[in-house]
Amino acid sequence: MTPDPSLSTALLVGLGGTLGALARFGVDTVLGGPRGVFVVNVLGSVALGALVTAPVDGALLLVFGTGFCGAFTTFSSFAVGVVERARTGERLVAVGYALWMLVTALVGVGLGGSVVNALC
């Protein structure tokens, strides 16, 4: 789906992004640190896998896929965590963290899609 570059499209993405950022803040407040980053990335991956598999219209995909999931998940915090571990000499931990995050996020996308396929 090619996004419509209209103001209403931008507002839909912004609405979803606001909700995603607030949800992310909530998770960070409760968990924080690497656990919080892990939880938001895996939950966001499950949600996005479900959304792209579900028969939803373009507006819902923009609000929840691009907006909510885009703001809820975080590649940058994940990347900083990997680099920080590598800089402090924890190279194996950095590689393990990176692999664990990537594998679980991919499994999350598959799980979300599988659940939707089973229900629809």
N, C-alpha and C. Protein backbone atom coordinates (compact mmCIF):
# COMPACT_ATOMS: atom_id res chain seq x y z
N MET A 1 0.84 -1.18 0.00
CA MET A 1 0.00 0.00 0.00
C MET A 1 0.88 1.24 0.00
N THR A 2 0.66 2.14 -0.92
CA THR A 2 1.39 3.39 -0.96
C THR A 2 0.63 4.42 -0.14
N PRO A 3 1.29 5.02 0.86
CA PRO A 3 0.58 5.99 1.69
C PRO A 3 0.14 7.22 0.90
N ASP A 4 -1.03 7.73 1.24
CA ASP A 4 -1.55 8.96 0.66
C ASP A 4 -0.88 10.13 1.40
N PRO A 5 -0.19 11.01 0.69
CA PRO A 5 0.55 12.07 1.36
C PRO A 5 -0.32 13.25 1.81
N SER A 6 -1.55 13.00 2.16
CA SER A 6 -2.45 14.08 2.55
C SER A 6 -2.32 14.40 4.03
N LEU A 7 -2.91 15.51 4.42
CA LEU A 7 -2.90 15.92 5.82
C LEU A 7 -3.62 14.91 6.68
N SER A 8 -4.73 14.35 6.20
CA SER A 8 -5.47 13.37 6.99
C SER A 8 -4.62 12.12 7.24
N THR A 9 -3.81 11.73 6.28
CA THR A 9 -2.91 10.59 6.46
C THR A 9 -1.88 10.90 7.54
N ALA A 10 -1.30 12.08 7.47
CA ALA A 10 -0.32 12.49 8.46
C ALA A 10 -0.93 12.53 9.86
N LEU A 11 -2.16 12.99 9.95
CA LEU A 11 -2.83 13.05 11.25
C LEU A 11 -3.11 11.65 11.79
N LEU A 12 -3.49 10.72 10.91
CA LEU A 12 -3.71 9.34 11.35
C LEU A 12 -2.42 8.72 11.90
N VAL A 13 -1.33 8.91 11.16
CA VAL A 13 -0.04 8.37 11.62
C VAL A 13 0.36 9.05 12.93
N GLY A 14 0.14 10.36 13.02
CA GLY A 14 0.47 11.09 14.25
C GLY A 14 -0.35 10.63 15.44
N LEU A 15 -1.63 10.35 15.23
CA LEU A 15 -2.48 9.84 16.30
C LEU A 15 -1.95 8.49 16.80
N GLY A 16 -1.68 7.59 15.87
CA GLY A 16 -1.13 6.29 16.26
C GLY A 16 0.22 6.43 16.92
N GLY A 17 1.06 7.33 16.40
CA GLY A 17 2.38 7.55 16.98
C GLY A 17 2.29 8.09 18.40
N THR A 18 1.35 8.96 18.64
CA THR A 18 1.15 9.49 20.00
C THR A 18 0.78 8.36 20.96
N LEU A 19 -0.15 7.52 20.54
CA LEU A 19 -0.57 6.40 21.39
C LEU A 19 0.59 5.42 21.62
N GLY A 20 1.36 5.15 20.57
CA GLY A 20 2.50 4.24 20.69
C GLY A 20 3.57 4.79 21.61
N ALA A 21 3.85 6.09 21.50
CA ALA A 21 4.86 6.71 22.35
C ALA A 21 4.43 6.69 23.81
N LEU A 22 3.14 6.94 24.06
CA LEU A 22 2.64 6.89 25.44
C LEU A 22 2.72 5.46 26.01
N ALA A 23 2.39 4.48 25.17
CA ALA A 23 2.49 3.09 25.62
C ALA A 23 3.94 2.72 25.89
N ARG A 24 4.83 3.17 25.04
CA ARG A 24 6.27 2.91 25.24
C ARG A 24 6.75 3.54 26.54
N PHE A 25 6.32 4.76 26.79
CA PHE A 25 6.68 5.44 28.04
C PHE A 25 6.19 4.63 29.24
N GLY A 26 4.99 4.08 29.14
CA GLY A 26 4.46 3.25 30.22
C GLY A 26 5.31 2.02 30.47
N VAL A 27 5.71 1.34 29.42
CA VAL A 27 6.56 0.16 29.57
C VAL A 27 7.91 0.56 30.14
N ASP A 28 8.49 1.65 29.64
CA ASP A 28 9.78 2.13 30.16
C ASP A 28 9.69 2.49 31.64
N THR A 29 8.56 3.06 32.03
CA THR A 29 8.37 3.44 33.43
C THR A 29 8.35 2.21 34.32
N VAL A 30 7.71 1.16 33.87
CA VAL A 30 7.59 -0.06 34.67
C VAL A 30 8.86 -0.91 34.59
N LEU A 31 9.39 -1.11 33.41
CA LEU A 31 10.52 -2.03 33.24
C LEU A 31 11.85 -1.32 33.05
N GLY A 32 11.89 -0.35 32.14
CA GLY A 32 13.13 0.38 31.85
C GLY A 32 14.24 -0.50 31.32
N GLY A 33 15.31 0.12 30.89
CA GLY A 33 16.52 -0.58 30.47
C GLY A 33 16.31 -1.59 29.37
N PRO A 34 17.22 -2.55 29.30
CA PRO A 34 17.16 -3.56 28.23
C PRO A 34 15.88 -4.39 28.24
N ARG A 35 15.33 -4.66 29.44
CA ARG A 35 14.08 -5.42 29.49
C ARG A 35 12.94 -4.66 28.83
N GLY A 36 12.87 -3.36 29.07
CA GLY A 36 11.83 -2.55 28.46
C GLY A 36 11.96 -2.51 26.95
N VAL A 37 13.20 -2.36 26.47
CA VAL A 37 13.45 -2.35 25.02
C VAL A 37 13.04 -3.69 24.42
N PHE A 38 13.40 -4.77 25.08
CA PHE A 38 13.04 -6.10 24.59
C PHE A 38 11.52 -6.27 24.53
N VAL A 39 10.84 -5.90 25.58
CA VAL A 39 9.37 -6.07 25.64
C VAL A 39 8.68 -5.26 24.55
N VAL A 40 9.05 -3.98 24.38
CA VAL A 40 8.36 -3.18 23.36
C VAL A 40 8.65 -3.69 21.96
N ASN A 41 9.87 -4.15 21.72
CA ASN A 41 10.20 -4.64 20.38
C ASN A 41 9.49 -5.95 20.06
N VAL A 42 9.40 -6.85 21.01
CA VAL A 42 8.72 -8.12 20.76
C VAL A 42 7.20 -7.90 20.66
N LEU A 43 6.62 -7.16 21.59
CA LEU A 43 5.18 -6.91 21.51
C LEU A 43 4.81 -6.14 20.24
N GLY A 44 5.62 -5.17 19.89
CA GLY A 44 5.38 -4.41 18.66
C GLY A 44 5.49 -5.29 17.43
N SER A 45 6.42 -6.24 17.44
CA SER A 45 6.57 -7.16 16.32
C SER A 45 5.36 -8.08 16.20
N VAL A 46 4.87 -8.58 17.32
CA VAL A 46 3.66 -9.42 17.31
C VAL A 46 2.48 -8.61 16.76
N ALA A 47 2.33 -7.39 17.25
CA ALA A 47 1.22 -6.55 16.79
C ALA A 47 1.32 -6.24 15.30
N LEU A 48 2.51 -5.91 14.84
CA LEU A 48 2.67 -5.59 13.41
C LEU A 48 2.46 -6.82 12.55
N GLY A 49 2.93 -7.98 12.99
CA GLY A 49 2.68 -9.21 12.25
C GLY A 49 1.20 -9.49 12.13
N ALA A 50 0.46 -9.24 13.21
CA ALA A 50 -0.99 -9.44 13.18
C ALA A 50 -1.66 -8.43 12.25
N LEU A 51 -1.22 -7.19 12.32
CA LEU A 51 -1.83 -6.14 11.50
C LEU A 51 -1.64 -6.36 10.01
N VAL A 52 -0.44 -6.71 9.61
CA VAL A 52 -0.20 -6.86 8.17
C VAL A 52 -0.84 -8.13 7.61
N THR A 53 -1.20 -9.05 8.49
CA THR A 53 -1.87 -10.28 8.06
C THR A 53 -3.38 -10.12 8.07
N ALA A 54 -3.89 -9.30 8.97
CA ALA A 54 -5.34 -9.13 9.13
C ALA A 54 -5.94 -8.37 7.96
N PRO A 55 -7.19 -8.65 7.68
CA PRO A 55 -7.87 -7.90 6.61
C PRO A 55 -8.34 -6.53 7.12
N VAL A 56 -7.40 -5.62 7.34
CA VAL A 56 -7.74 -4.29 7.83
C VAL A 56 -7.56 -3.28 6.70
N ASP A 57 -8.31 -2.19 6.79
CA ASP A 57 -8.19 -1.18 5.73
C ASP A 57 -6.93 -0.34 5.93
N GLY A 58 -6.61 0.43 4.92
CA GLY A 58 -5.38 1.22 4.91
C GLY A 58 -5.27 2.20 6.06
N ALA A 59 -6.40 2.81 6.44
CA ALA A 59 -6.36 3.79 7.52
C ALA A 59 -5.96 3.14 8.84
N LEU A 60 -6.52 1.97 9.13
CA LEU A 60 -6.15 1.28 10.37
C LEU A 60 -4.69 0.84 10.35
N LEU A 61 -4.23 0.42 9.20
CA LEU A 61 -2.82 0.03 9.09
C LEU A 61 -1.91 1.24 9.31
N LEU A 62 -2.31 2.39 8.82
CA LEU A 62 -1.53 3.61 9.05
C LEU A 62 -1.52 4.00 10.52
N VAL A 63 -2.69 3.98 11.16
CA VAL A 63 -2.78 4.38 12.56
C VAL A 63 -1.99 3.42 13.45
N PHE A 64 -2.26 2.14 13.30
CA PHE A 64 -1.68 1.17 14.24
C PHE A 64 -0.35 0.58 13.77
N GLY A 65 -0.18 0.38 12.47
CA GLY A 65 1.07 -0.19 11.97
C GLY A 65 2.17 0.84 11.92
N THR A 66 1.98 1.85 11.07
CA THR A 66 3.00 2.88 10.92
C THR A 66 3.10 3.75 12.17
N GLY A 67 1.96 4.22 12.66
CA GLY A 67 1.97 5.15 13.80
C GLY A 67 2.28 4.47 15.12
N PHE A 68 1.36 3.63 15.59
CA PHE A 68 1.52 3.02 16.92
C PHE A 68 2.76 2.15 17.01
N CYS A 69 2.86 1.15 16.14
CA CYS A 69 4.00 0.23 16.21
C CYS A 69 5.32 0.95 15.94
N GLY A 70 5.30 1.92 15.04
CA GLY A 70 6.51 2.68 14.75
C GLY A 70 7.01 3.45 15.95
N ALA A 71 6.11 4.03 16.71
CA ALA A 71 6.51 4.80 17.90
C ALA A 71 6.73 3.91 19.11
N PHE A 72 6.04 2.80 19.17
CA PHE A 72 6.14 1.90 20.33
C PHE A 72 7.46 1.15 20.34
N THR A 73 7.86 0.66 19.18
CA THR A 73 9.10 -0.12 19.11
C THR A 73 10.30 0.81 18.98
N THR A 74 11.49 0.25 19.21
CA THR A 74 12.67 1.09 19.17
C THR A 74 13.89 0.35 18.66
N PHE A 75 14.31 0.71 17.47
CA PHE A 75 15.55 0.15 16.95
C PHE A 75 16.74 0.91 17.52
N SER A 76 16.60 2.22 17.71
CA SER A 76 17.73 3.02 18.16
C SER A 76 18.18 2.64 19.57
N SER A 77 17.25 2.44 20.50
CA SER A 77 17.63 2.04 21.86
C SER A 77 18.27 0.66 21.85
N PHE A 78 17.76 -0.22 21.01
CA PHE A 78 18.35 -1.54 20.85
C PHE A 78 19.79 -1.43 20.35
N ALA A 79 20.00 -0.60 19.32
CA ALA A 79 21.34 -0.42 18.75
C ALA A 79 22.30 0.18 19.76
N VAL A 80 21.85 1.15 20.52
CA VAL A 80 22.70 1.76 21.56
C VAL A 80 23.08 0.71 22.60
N GLY A 81 22.14 -0.12 22.99
CA GLY A 81 22.44 -1.18 23.96
C GLY A 81 23.50 -2.14 23.45
N VAL A 82 23.44 -2.48 22.20
CA VAL A 82 24.44 -3.39 21.61
C VAL A 82 25.81 -2.71 21.60
N VAL A 83 25.85 -1.47 21.15
CA VAL A 83 27.13 -0.75 21.06
C VAL A 83 27.73 -0.52 22.45
N GLU A 84 26.90 -0.17 23.42
CA GLU A 84 27.41 0.05 24.78
C GLU A 84 28.05 -1.22 25.34
N ARG A 85 27.41 -2.34 25.13
CA ARG A 85 27.98 -3.60 25.61
C ARG A 85 29.30 -3.91 24.91
N ALA A 86 29.36 -3.67 23.62
CA ALA A 86 30.59 -3.92 22.87
C ALA A 86 31.71 -3.00 23.34
N ARG A 87 31.40 -1.75 23.59
CA ARG A 87 32.42 -0.77 24.04
C ARG A 87 33.00 -1.12 25.40
N THR A 88 32.18 -1.70 26.26
CA THR A 88 32.67 -2.04 27.60
C THR A 88 33.34 -3.40 27.64
N GLY A 89 33.58 -3.97 26.47
CA GLY A 89 34.29 -5.24 26.40
C GLY A 89 33.39 -6.46 26.46
N GLU A 90 32.10 -6.26 26.55
CA GLU A 90 31.15 -7.38 26.60
C GLU A 90 30.71 -7.74 25.19
N ARG A 91 31.65 -8.09 24.36
CA ARG A 91 31.33 -8.35 22.95
C ARG A 91 30.42 -9.54 22.75
N LEU A 92 30.65 -10.61 23.48
CA LEU A 92 29.77 -11.78 23.36
C LEU A 92 28.37 -11.47 23.84
N VAL A 93 28.27 -10.70 24.90
CA VAL A 93 26.96 -10.29 25.40
C VAL A 93 26.27 -9.42 24.35
N ALA A 94 27.02 -8.51 23.71
CA ALA A 94 26.45 -7.64 22.68
C ALA A 94 25.92 -8.46 21.51
N VAL A 95 26.71 -9.41 21.06
CA VAL A 95 26.28 -10.26 19.94
C VAL A 95 25.06 -11.10 20.34
N GLY A 96 25.10 -11.66 21.55
CA GLY A 96 23.97 -12.45 22.03
C GLY A 96 22.70 -11.63 22.15
N TYR A 97 22.84 -10.41 22.68
CA TYR A 97 21.69 -9.51 22.81
C TYR A 97 21.11 -9.17 21.45
N ALA A 98 21.98 -8.86 20.49
CA ALA A 98 21.53 -8.51 19.14
C ALA A 98 20.81 -9.69 18.50
N LEU A 99 21.41 -10.86 18.58
CA LEU A 99 20.78 -12.05 17.98
C LEU A 99 19.47 -12.38 18.67
N TRP A 100 19.45 -12.34 19.98
CA TRP A 100 18.24 -12.65 20.74
C TRP A 100 17.12 -11.68 20.36
N MET A 101 17.42 -10.39 20.27
CA MET A 101 16.40 -9.40 19.93
C MET A 101 15.88 -9.63 18.52
N LEU A 102 16.77 -9.84 17.57
CA LEU A 102 16.35 -10.03 16.18
C LEU A 102 15.53 -11.30 16.01
N VAL A 103 15.98 -12.39 16.61
CA VAL A 103 15.25 -13.66 16.47
C VAL A 103 13.87 -13.57 17.13
N THR A 104 13.81 -13.03 18.33
CA THR A 104 12.51 -12.96 19.01
C THR A 104 11.56 -11.99 18.31
N ALA A 105 12.08 -10.92 17.73
CA ALA A 105 11.22 -10.00 16.98
C ALA A 105 10.67 -10.68 15.73
N LEU A 106 11.51 -11.43 15.04
CA LEU A 106 11.03 -12.15 13.85
C LEU A 106 10.02 -13.23 14.22
N VAL A 107 10.28 -13.93 15.31
CA VAL A 107 9.32 -14.93 15.79
C VAL A 107 8.01 -14.23 16.16
N GLY A 108 8.12 -13.05 16.77
CA GLY A 108 6.92 -12.28 17.12
C GLY A 108 6.08 -11.92 15.92
N VAL A 109 6.71 -11.48 14.85
CA VAL A 109 5.98 -11.17 13.61
C VAL A 109 5.26 -12.42 13.10
N GLY A 110 5.98 -13.53 13.08
CA GLY A 110 5.38 -14.78 12.64
C GLY A 110 4.23 -15.22 13.53
N LEU A 111 4.40 -15.07 14.84
CA LEU A 111 3.35 -15.44 15.79
C LEU A 111 2.10 -14.58 15.59
N GLY A 112 2.31 -13.28 15.47
CA GLY A 112 1.16 -12.39 15.24
C GLY A 112 0.41 -12.75 13.97
N GLY A 113 1.15 -13.00 12.90
CA GLY A 113 0.52 -13.39 11.65
C GLY A 113 -0.19 -14.73 11.75
N SER A 114 0.42 -15.68 12.45
CA SER A 114 -0.18 -17.01 12.61
C SER A 114 -1.48 -16.95 13.41
N VAL A 115 -1.50 -16.13 14.44
CA VAL A 115 -2.72 -16.00 15.25
C VAL A 115 -3.85 -15.44 14.39
N VAL A 116 -3.55 -14.42 13.61
CA VAL A 116 -4.58 -13.84 12.74
C VAL A 116 -5.04 -14.84 11.71
N ASN A 117 -4.11 -15.57 11.10
CA ASN A 117 -4.49 -16.59 10.13
C ASN A 117 -5.38 -17.66 10.74
N ALA A 118 -5.11 -18.03 11.98
CA ALA A 118 -5.92 -19.05 12.65
C ALA A 118 -7.32 -18.53 12.96
N LEU A 119 -7.44 -17.24 13.24
CA LEU A 119 -8.73 -16.66 13.61
C LEU A 119 -9.57 -16.23 12.41
N CYS A 120 -8.94 -15.94 11.30
CA CYS A 120 -9.68 -15.41 10.14
C CYS A 120 -9.96 -16.48 9.12
